[in-house]
Amino acid sequence: MVITLKGKVDFPLTLDPSVWIFDDRKVLFENAFKESEAVPAVEEKHWDRSVYQQKMKPPINKSLTKEERKRALENSYVMPIADFLATAAIQEDASHAVLITEQGEEVVPLDELEASMFLFAIDGRSIKESGPAHCYLPSRKETPIKAIRQIKIC
């Protein structure tokens, strides 16, 4: 199942949460809502392949060890949606988004959508019931928007 992103965007997208498990931008669900600590500045090197690859959008997956693959299939993950919104190039006159679900529609301010996280895997498995993703907004972390089918930028 996919989620379409359309409306006041220059590039409509089709998002497939079932493949996000392979994306390096995913975040462990239990770490997603913790306050991030300041990362100390690291001395820059002239050129380092691993640093270069991690700065690419999306980052290039490194080969996973057996341990990392096992861990990936045991945890729940969320994906920040901001990179996808940037790729879609939201038009300047857009003010909000409408998340179209199986149950109806939810209107969300754009700044809140940009800061949201989409839960796409529970215990390493795609969300089948009430899926393909749940949207955790900063203001509604306890009650996510479920069964999202489409994101319409208005």
N, C-alpha and C. Protein backbone atom coordinates (compact mmCIF):
# COMPACT_ATOMS: atom_id res chain seq x y z
N MET A 1 0.84 -1.17 0.00
CA MET A 1 0.00 0.00 0.00
C MET A 1 0.89 1.24 0.00
N VAL A 2 0.52 2.23 -0.76
CA VAL A 2 1.31 3.44 -0.89
C VAL A 2 0.53 4.66 -0.42
N ILE A 3 1.28 5.76 -0.22
CA ILE A 3 0.68 7.04 0.16
C ILE A 3 1.05 8.04 -0.92
N THR A 4 0.06 8.71 -1.49
CA THR A 4 0.35 9.72 -2.51
C THR A 4 0.47 11.09 -1.83
N LEU A 5 1.40 11.88 -2.33
CA LEU A 5 1.63 13.24 -1.85
C LEU A 5 1.40 14.15 -3.04
N LYS A 6 0.33 14.95 -2.97
CA LYS A 6 0.00 15.80 -4.11
C LYS A 6 -0.65 17.08 -3.64
N GLY A 7 -1.08 17.89 -4.57
CA GLY A 7 -1.70 19.17 -4.25
C GLY A 7 -0.80 20.29 -4.71
N LYS A 8 -0.54 21.25 -3.82
CA LYS A 8 0.29 22.41 -4.15
C LYS A 8 1.77 22.06 -4.00
N VAL A 9 2.21 21.13 -4.83
CA VAL A 9 3.61 20.73 -4.88
C VAL A 9 4.07 20.75 -6.33
N ASP A 10 5.35 20.99 -6.54
CA ASP A 10 5.88 20.98 -7.90
C ASP A 10 6.08 19.56 -8.40
N PHE A 11 6.34 18.62 -7.48
CA PHE A 11 6.61 17.25 -7.86
C PHE A 11 5.78 16.29 -7.01
N PRO A 12 4.62 15.83 -7.49
CA PRO A 12 3.83 14.87 -6.73
C PRO A 12 4.65 13.59 -6.51
N LEU A 13 4.50 12.98 -5.34
CA LEU A 13 5.25 11.78 -5.00
C LEU A 13 4.32 10.63 -4.64
N THR A 14 4.84 9.43 -4.80
CA THR A 14 4.20 8.23 -4.29
C THR A 14 5.15 7.64 -3.27
N LEU A 15 4.73 7.58 -2.03
CA LEU A 15 5.56 7.07 -0.93
C LEU A 15 5.20 5.62 -0.65
N ASP A 16 6.21 4.77 -0.55
CA ASP A 16 5.99 3.36 -0.25
C ASP A 16 6.66 3.02 1.08
N PRO A 17 5.91 3.10 2.18
CA PRO A 17 6.49 2.83 3.51
C PRO A 17 7.06 1.43 3.67
N SER A 18 6.66 0.48 2.83
CA SER A 18 7.17 -0.88 2.98
C SER A 18 8.65 -1.00 2.65
N VAL A 19 9.22 -0.03 1.94
CA VAL A 19 10.65 -0.09 1.61
C VAL A 19 11.49 0.81 2.52
N TRP A 20 10.87 1.57 3.40
CA TRP A 20 11.62 2.46 4.28
C TRP A 20 12.50 1.71 5.26
N ILE A 21 12.24 0.42 5.48
CA ILE A 21 13.07 -0.37 6.40
C ILE A 21 14.52 -0.39 5.93
N PHE A 22 14.75 -0.19 4.62
CA PHE A 22 16.09 -0.19 4.05
C PHE A 22 16.71 1.21 4.00
N ASP A 23 15.97 2.22 4.42
CA ASP A 23 16.42 3.61 4.33
C ASP A 23 17.19 3.99 5.59
N ASP A 24 18.35 4.61 5.40
CA ASP A 24 19.19 4.99 6.55
C ASP A 24 18.61 6.14 7.36
N ARG A 25 17.60 6.83 6.86
CA ARG A 25 17.00 7.94 7.59
C ARG A 25 16.03 7.48 8.66
N LYS A 26 15.69 6.20 8.70
CA LYS A 26 14.74 5.71 9.69
C LYS A 26 15.29 5.89 11.10
N VAL A 27 14.38 6.01 12.05
CA VAL A 27 14.73 6.25 13.45
C VAL A 27 14.00 5.22 14.30
N LEU A 28 14.69 4.69 15.30
CA LEU A 28 14.02 3.78 16.23
C LEU A 28 12.86 4.51 16.89
N PHE A 29 11.72 3.86 16.99
CA PHE A 29 10.52 4.48 17.55
C PHE A 29 10.77 4.99 18.96
N GLU A 30 11.46 4.20 19.79
CA GLU A 30 11.68 4.62 21.17
C GLU A 30 12.63 5.81 21.29
N ASN A 31 13.42 6.08 20.26
CA ASN A 31 14.34 7.23 20.28
C ASN A 31 13.78 8.45 19.56
N ALA A 32 12.69 8.30 18.85
CA ALA A 32 12.18 9.36 17.98
C ALA A 32 11.71 10.59 18.72
N PHE A 33 11.19 10.45 19.91
CA PHE A 33 10.60 11.58 20.60
C PHE A 33 11.42 12.05 21.79
N LYS A 34 12.64 11.54 21.91
CA LYS A 34 13.54 12.00 22.96
C LYS A 34 14.18 13.29 22.50
N GLU A 35 14.51 14.14 23.47
CA GLU A 35 15.22 15.38 23.15
C GLU A 35 16.62 15.01 22.67
N SER A 36 17.01 15.53 21.53
CA SER A 36 18.33 15.22 21.01
C SER A 36 19.39 16.05 21.73
N GLU A 37 20.49 15.41 22.02
CA GLU A 37 21.59 16.10 22.67
C GLU A 37 22.45 16.77 21.62
N ALA A 38 23.08 17.86 22.01
CA ALA A 38 23.95 18.56 21.08
C ALA A 38 25.13 17.67 20.73
N VAL A 39 25.41 17.58 19.44
CA VAL A 39 26.52 16.77 18.96
C VAL A 39 27.75 17.65 18.88
N PRO A 40 28.85 17.24 19.52
CA PRO A 40 30.05 18.08 19.46
C PRO A 40 30.58 18.18 18.04
N ALA A 41 31.16 19.34 17.73
CA ALA A 41 31.70 19.55 16.39
C ALA A 41 32.86 18.59 16.16
N VAL A 42 32.87 17.99 14.98
CA VAL A 42 33.92 17.05 14.62
C VAL A 42 34.85 17.72 13.64
N GLU A 43 36.14 17.49 13.83
CA GLU A 43 37.12 18.07 12.91
C GLU A 43 36.89 17.49 11.52
N GLU A 44 36.74 18.36 10.52
CA GLU A 44 36.47 17.90 9.16
C GLU A 44 37.71 17.30 8.54
N LYS A 45 37.51 16.25 7.79
CA LYS A 45 38.59 15.64 7.04
C LYS A 45 38.49 16.13 5.61
N HIS A 46 39.60 15.99 4.89
CA HIS A 46 39.61 16.45 3.51
C HIS A 46 38.53 15.74 2.70
N TRP A 47 38.51 14.41 2.75
CA TRP A 47 37.48 13.66 2.05
C TRP A 47 37.39 12.29 2.66
N ASP A 48 36.21 11.92 3.08
CA ASP A 48 36.00 10.62 3.69
C ASP A 48 34.75 10.03 3.07
N ARG A 49 34.90 8.88 2.43
CA ARG A 49 33.80 8.25 1.71
C ARG A 49 32.58 8.03 2.61
N SER A 50 32.77 7.53 3.85
CA SER A 50 31.63 7.25 4.72
C SER A 50 30.89 8.53 5.10
N VAL A 51 31.62 9.62 5.32
CA VAL A 51 30.97 10.90 5.63
C VAL A 51 30.23 11.41 4.41
N TYR A 52 30.85 11.31 3.25
CA TYR A 52 30.24 11.77 2.01
C TYR A 52 28.93 11.02 1.73
N GLN A 53 28.96 9.70 1.88
CA GLN A 53 27.77 8.90 1.59
C GLN A 53 26.64 9.19 2.56
N GLN A 54 26.94 9.51 3.80
CA GLN A 54 25.89 9.80 4.76
C GLN A 54 25.27 11.17 4.55
N LYS A 55 25.94 12.06 3.85
CA LYS A 55 25.40 13.38 3.57
C LYS A 55 24.52 13.39 2.34
N MET A 56 24.53 12.31 1.58
CA MET A 56 23.71 12.22 0.37
C MET A 56 22.25 12.05 0.79
N LYS A 57 21.34 12.51 -0.06
CA LYS A 57 19.91 12.36 0.20
C LYS A 57 19.32 11.46 -0.86
N PRO A 58 18.76 10.32 -0.57
CA PRO A 58 18.86 9.62 0.71
C PRO A 58 20.25 9.03 0.88
N PRO A 59 20.66 8.80 2.12
CA PRO A 59 21.98 8.22 2.36
C PRO A 59 22.07 6.83 1.73
N ILE A 60 23.25 6.48 1.31
CA ILE A 60 23.49 5.17 0.71
C ILE A 60 23.62 4.15 1.83
N ASN A 61 22.88 3.04 1.69
CA ASN A 61 22.96 2.00 2.71
C ASN A 61 24.31 1.32 2.67
N LYS A 62 24.89 1.16 3.84
CA LYS A 62 26.09 0.36 3.93
C LYS A 62 25.64 -1.09 4.09
N SER A 63 26.53 -2.02 3.85
CA SER A 63 26.19 -3.43 4.02
C SER A 63 25.89 -3.69 5.49
N LEU A 64 24.82 -4.41 5.73
CA LEU A 64 24.42 -4.70 7.10
C LEU A 64 25.04 -6.01 7.56
N THR A 65 25.48 -6.03 8.81
CA THR A 65 25.97 -7.27 9.38
C THR A 65 24.77 -8.13 9.75
N LYS A 66 25.03 -9.37 10.05
CA LYS A 66 23.96 -10.28 10.45
C LYS A 66 23.24 -9.76 11.69
N GLU A 67 24.02 -9.22 12.62
CA GLU A 67 23.46 -8.65 13.85
C GLU A 67 22.54 -7.46 13.55
N GLU A 68 22.96 -6.58 12.64
CA GLU A 68 22.16 -5.40 12.29
C GLU A 68 20.87 -5.81 11.57
N ARG A 69 20.96 -6.81 10.71
CA ARG A 69 19.74 -7.29 10.02
C ARG A 69 18.75 -7.88 11.01
N LYS A 70 19.27 -8.63 11.99
CA LYS A 70 18.40 -9.22 13.00
C LYS A 70 17.71 -8.13 13.81
N ARG A 71 18.50 -7.10 14.20
CA ARG A 71 17.95 -5.99 14.97
C ARG A 71 16.87 -5.24 14.17
N ALA A 72 17.10 -5.08 12.86
CA ALA A 72 16.14 -4.36 12.01
C ALA A 72 14.79 -5.07 11.97
N LEU A 73 14.80 -6.39 12.14
CA LEU A 73 13.55 -7.14 12.08
C LEU A 73 12.91 -7.33 13.46
N GLU A 74 13.45 -6.68 14.47
CA GLU A 74 12.89 -6.79 15.82
C GLU A 74 12.37 -5.47 16.36
N ASN A 75 12.67 -4.36 15.70
CA ASN A 75 12.35 -3.05 16.24
C ASN A 75 11.24 -2.35 15.48
N SER A 76 10.70 -1.31 16.10
CA SER A 76 9.71 -0.46 15.46
C SER A 76 10.41 0.82 15.01
N TYR A 77 10.03 1.32 13.83
CA TYR A 77 10.71 2.46 13.25
C TYR A 77 9.75 3.54 12.78
N VAL A 78 10.25 4.78 12.80
CA VAL A 78 9.54 5.92 12.23
C VAL A 78 10.44 6.57 11.20
N MET A 79 9.82 7.31 10.28
CA MET A 79 10.55 8.03 9.25
C MET A 79 10.17 9.50 9.33
N PRO A 80 11.15 10.39 9.46
CA PRO A 80 10.83 11.83 9.39
C PRO A 80 10.31 12.14 7.98
N ILE A 81 9.27 12.92 7.88
CA ILE A 81 8.65 13.18 6.59
C ILE A 81 9.22 14.42 5.90
N ALA A 82 10.03 15.19 6.61
CA ALA A 82 10.53 16.47 6.09
C ALA A 82 11.29 16.34 4.78
N ASP A 83 12.13 15.32 4.63
CA ASP A 83 12.88 15.15 3.38
C ASP A 83 11.96 14.92 2.18
N PHE A 84 10.89 14.19 2.38
CA PHE A 84 9.95 13.92 1.29
C PHE A 84 9.20 15.20 0.90
N LEU A 85 8.85 16.00 1.90
CA LEU A 85 8.18 17.27 1.61
C LEU A 85 9.11 18.21 0.85
N ALA A 86 10.39 18.21 1.22
CA ALA A 86 11.36 19.05 0.51
C ALA A 86 11.52 18.59 -0.93
N THR A 87 11.54 17.28 -1.15
CA THR A 87 11.67 16.75 -2.51
C THR A 87 10.46 17.10 -3.35
N ALA A 88 9.29 17.11 -2.75
CA ALA A 88 8.06 17.45 -3.49
C ALA A 88 8.00 18.93 -3.84
N ALA A 89 8.79 19.76 -3.18
CA ALA A 89 8.85 21.20 -3.42
C ALA A 89 7.47 21.85 -3.24
N ILE A 90 7.10 22.04 -1.99
CA ILE A 90 5.81 22.66 -1.65
C ILE A 90 5.80 24.10 -2.14
N GLN A 91 4.72 24.48 -2.78
CA GLN A 91 4.59 25.83 -3.31
C GLN A 91 4.42 26.84 -2.18
N GLU A 92 4.86 28.07 -2.43
CA GLU A 92 4.87 29.11 -1.39
C GLU A 92 3.49 29.47 -0.85
N ASP A 93 2.46 29.36 -1.66
CA ASP A 93 1.13 29.75 -1.20
C ASP A 93 0.40 28.65 -0.42
N ALA A 94 1.04 27.51 -0.21
CA ALA A 94 0.43 26.42 0.56
C ALA A 94 0.43 26.78 2.04
N SER A 95 -0.66 26.45 2.74
CA SER A 95 -0.77 26.80 4.16
C SER A 95 -0.97 25.61 5.08
N HIS A 96 -1.53 24.53 4.56
CA HIS A 96 -1.81 23.38 5.40
C HIS A 96 -1.83 22.10 4.56
N ALA A 97 -1.98 20.99 5.23
CA ALA A 97 -2.08 19.70 4.56
C ALA A 97 -3.33 18.99 5.05
N VAL A 98 -3.88 18.18 4.19
CA VAL A 98 -5.02 17.35 4.56
C VAL A 98 -4.55 15.90 4.45
N LEU A 99 -4.60 15.19 5.57
CA LEU A 99 -4.25 13.77 5.58
C LEU A 99 -5.54 12.99 5.38
N ILE A 100 -5.64 12.32 4.26
CA ILE A 100 -6.84 11.55 3.93
C ILE A 100 -6.63 10.12 4.40
N THR A 101 -7.52 9.67 5.27
CA THR A 101 -7.42 8.34 5.87
C THR A 101 -8.66 7.52 5.53
N GLU A 102 -8.66 6.28 6.00
CA GLU A 102 -9.85 5.43 5.83
C GLU A 102 -11.05 5.99 6.58
N GLN A 103 -10.80 6.70 7.68
CA GLN A 103 -11.88 7.22 8.51
C GLN A 103 -12.33 8.62 8.13
N GLY A 104 -11.58 9.31 7.29
CA GLY A 104 -11.95 10.67 6.93
C GLY A 104 -10.73 11.51 6.64
N GLU A 105 -10.81 12.79 7.01
CA GLU A 105 -9.73 13.73 6.73
C GLU A 105 -9.30 14.45 8.00
N GLU A 106 -8.00 14.74 8.09
CA GLU A 106 -7.42 15.49 9.20
C GLU A 106 -6.65 16.67 8.60
N VAL A 107 -6.95 17.88 9.05
CA VAL A 107 -6.25 19.07 8.58
C VAL A 107 -5.09 19.35 9.54
N VAL A 108 -3.90 19.57 8.94
CA VAL A 108 -2.69 19.74 9.72
C VAL A 108 -1.92 20.94 9.19
N PRO A 109 -1.43 21.84 10.06
CA PRO A 109 -0.58 22.94 9.60
C PRO A 109 0.72 22.38 8.98
N LEU A 110 1.24 23.04 7.97
CA LEU A 110 2.43 22.55 7.27
C LEU A 110 3.65 22.42 8.18
N ASP A 111 3.85 23.40 9.07
CA ASP A 111 5.03 23.33 9.94
C ASP A 111 4.96 22.12 10.87
N GLU A 112 3.76 21.77 11.29
CA GLU A 112 3.60 20.60 12.15
C GLU A 112 3.80 19.31 11.35
N LEU A 113 3.35 19.29 10.10
CA LEU A 113 3.57 18.11 9.26
C LEU A 113 5.05 17.91 9.00
N GLU A 114 5.78 19.00 8.75
CA GLU A 114 7.22 18.90 8.50
C GLU A 114 7.98 18.35 9.70
N ALA A 115 7.48 18.54 10.89
CA ALA A 115 8.14 18.04 12.10
C ALA A 115 7.62 16.66 12.52
N SER A 116 6.72 16.09 11.74
CA SER A 116 6.10 14.83 12.13
C SER A 116 6.94 13.62 11.75
N MET A 117 6.61 12.50 12.36
CA MET A 117 7.25 11.22 12.11
C MET A 117 6.18 10.22 11.69
N PHE A 118 6.51 9.38 10.71
CA PHE A 118 5.57 8.37 10.24
C PHE A 118 6.04 7.00 10.70
N LEU A 119 5.25 6.36 11.57
CA LEU A 119 5.54 4.99 12.00
C LEU A 119 5.21 4.07 10.83
N PHE A 120 6.18 3.26 10.41
CA PHE A 120 5.96 2.39 9.26
C PHE A 120 6.25 0.92 9.55
N ALA A 121 6.90 0.63 10.68
CA ALA A 121 7.22 -0.76 11.01
C ALA A 121 7.05 -0.98 12.50
N ILE A 122 6.34 -2.04 12.84
CA ILE A 122 6.17 -2.44 14.24
C ILE A 122 6.78 -3.82 14.37
N ASP A 123 7.76 -3.93 15.26
CA ASP A 123 8.50 -5.18 15.46
C ASP A 123 9.09 -5.69 14.14
N GLY A 124 9.61 -4.77 13.33
CA GLY A 124 10.27 -5.14 12.08
C GLY A 124 9.35 -5.50 10.94
N ARG A 125 8.05 -5.36 11.13
CA ARG A 125 7.08 -5.74 10.09
C ARG A 125 6.29 -4.51 9.64
N SER A 126 5.94 -4.49 8.36
CA SER A 126 5.10 -3.41 7.83
C SER A 126 3.75 -3.42 8.54
N ILE A 127 3.14 -2.26 8.64
CA ILE A 127 1.83 -2.16 9.28
C ILE A 127 0.76 -2.57 8.28
N LYS A 128 0.08 -3.65 8.54
CA LYS A 128 -0.97 -4.14 7.62
C LYS A 128 -2.32 -3.53 7.98
N GLU A 129 -2.74 -3.75 9.24
CA GLU A 129 -4.01 -3.17 9.70
C GLU A 129 -3.74 -1.73 10.10
N SER A 130 -4.59 -0.84 9.72
CA SER A 130 -4.50 0.59 10.00
C SER A 130 -3.23 1.21 9.42
N GLY A 131 -2.71 0.60 8.37
CA GLY A 131 -1.47 1.09 7.75
C GLY A 131 -1.76 1.76 6.43
N PRO A 132 -0.77 2.10 5.68
CA PRO A 132 0.62 1.66 5.74
C PRO A 132 1.48 2.45 6.71
N ALA A 133 0.97 3.56 7.25
CA ALA A 133 1.77 4.37 8.18
C ALA A 133 0.86 5.12 9.14
N HIS A 134 1.42 5.44 10.31
CA HIS A 134 0.74 6.27 11.30
C HIS A 134 1.54 7.56 11.44
N CYS A 135 0.86 8.68 11.44
CA CYS A 135 1.52 9.99 11.54
C CYS A 135 1.52 10.46 12.99
N TYR A 136 2.72 10.66 13.52
CA TYR A 136 2.88 11.19 14.87
C TYR A 136 3.25 12.66 14.76
N LEU A 137 2.28 13.52 15.02
CA LEU A 137 2.50 14.97 15.00
C LEU A 137 3.11 15.40 16.33
N PRO A 138 3.89 16.47 16.35
CA PRO A 138 4.48 16.94 17.61
C PRO A 138 3.42 17.24 18.68
N SER A 139 2.26 17.71 18.27
CA SER A 139 1.21 18.06 19.23
C SER A 139 0.31 16.88 19.60
N ARG A 140 0.44 15.76 18.86
CA ARG A 140 -0.43 14.60 19.10
C ARG A 140 0.37 13.31 19.16
N LYS A 141 1.38 13.27 20.00
CA LYS A 141 2.23 12.08 20.08
C LYS A 141 1.50 10.87 20.66
N GLU A 142 0.47 11.13 21.45
CA GLU A 142 -0.27 10.04 22.09
C GLU A 142 -1.36 9.47 21.19
N THR A 143 -1.84 10.26 20.23
CA THR A 143 -2.93 9.81 19.35
C THR A 143 -2.53 10.04 17.89
N PRO A 144 -1.84 9.08 17.29
CA PRO A 144 -1.41 9.25 15.90
C PRO A 144 -2.59 9.18 14.93
N ILE A 145 -2.36 9.74 13.75
CA ILE A 145 -3.34 9.63 12.66
C ILE A 145 -3.00 8.34 11.93
N LYS A 146 -3.97 7.43 11.84
CA LYS A 146 -3.71 6.09 11.28
C LYS A 146 -4.36 5.93 9.90
N ALA A 147 -3.94 4.90 9.21
CA ALA A 147 -4.49 4.48 7.92
C ALA A 147 -4.45 5.61 6.88
N ILE A 148 -3.30 6.27 6.76
CA ILE A 148 -3.15 7.38 5.82
C ILE A 148 -3.06 6.83 4.41
N ARG A 149 -3.85 7.39 3.52
CA ARG A 149 -3.88 6.99 2.12
C ARG A 149 -3.30 8.07 1.21
N GLN A 150 -3.45 9.33 1.64
CA GLN A 150 -3.03 10.43 0.79
C GLN A 150 -2.70 11.65 1.64
N ILE A 151 -1.70 12.42 1.19
CA ILE A 151 -1.36 13.70 1.80
C ILE A 151 -1.60 14.74 0.72
N LYS A 152 -2.53 15.63 0.98
CA LYS A 152 -2.85 16.68 0.02
C LYS A 152 -2.42 18.02 0.60
N ILE A 153 -1.51 18.68 -0.11
CA ILE A 153 -1.02 19.98 0.33
C ILE A 153 -1.95 21.06 -0.25
N CYS A 154 -2.49 21.91 0.62
CA CYS A 154 -3.45 22.93 0.20
C CYS A 154 -2.94 24.32 0.53
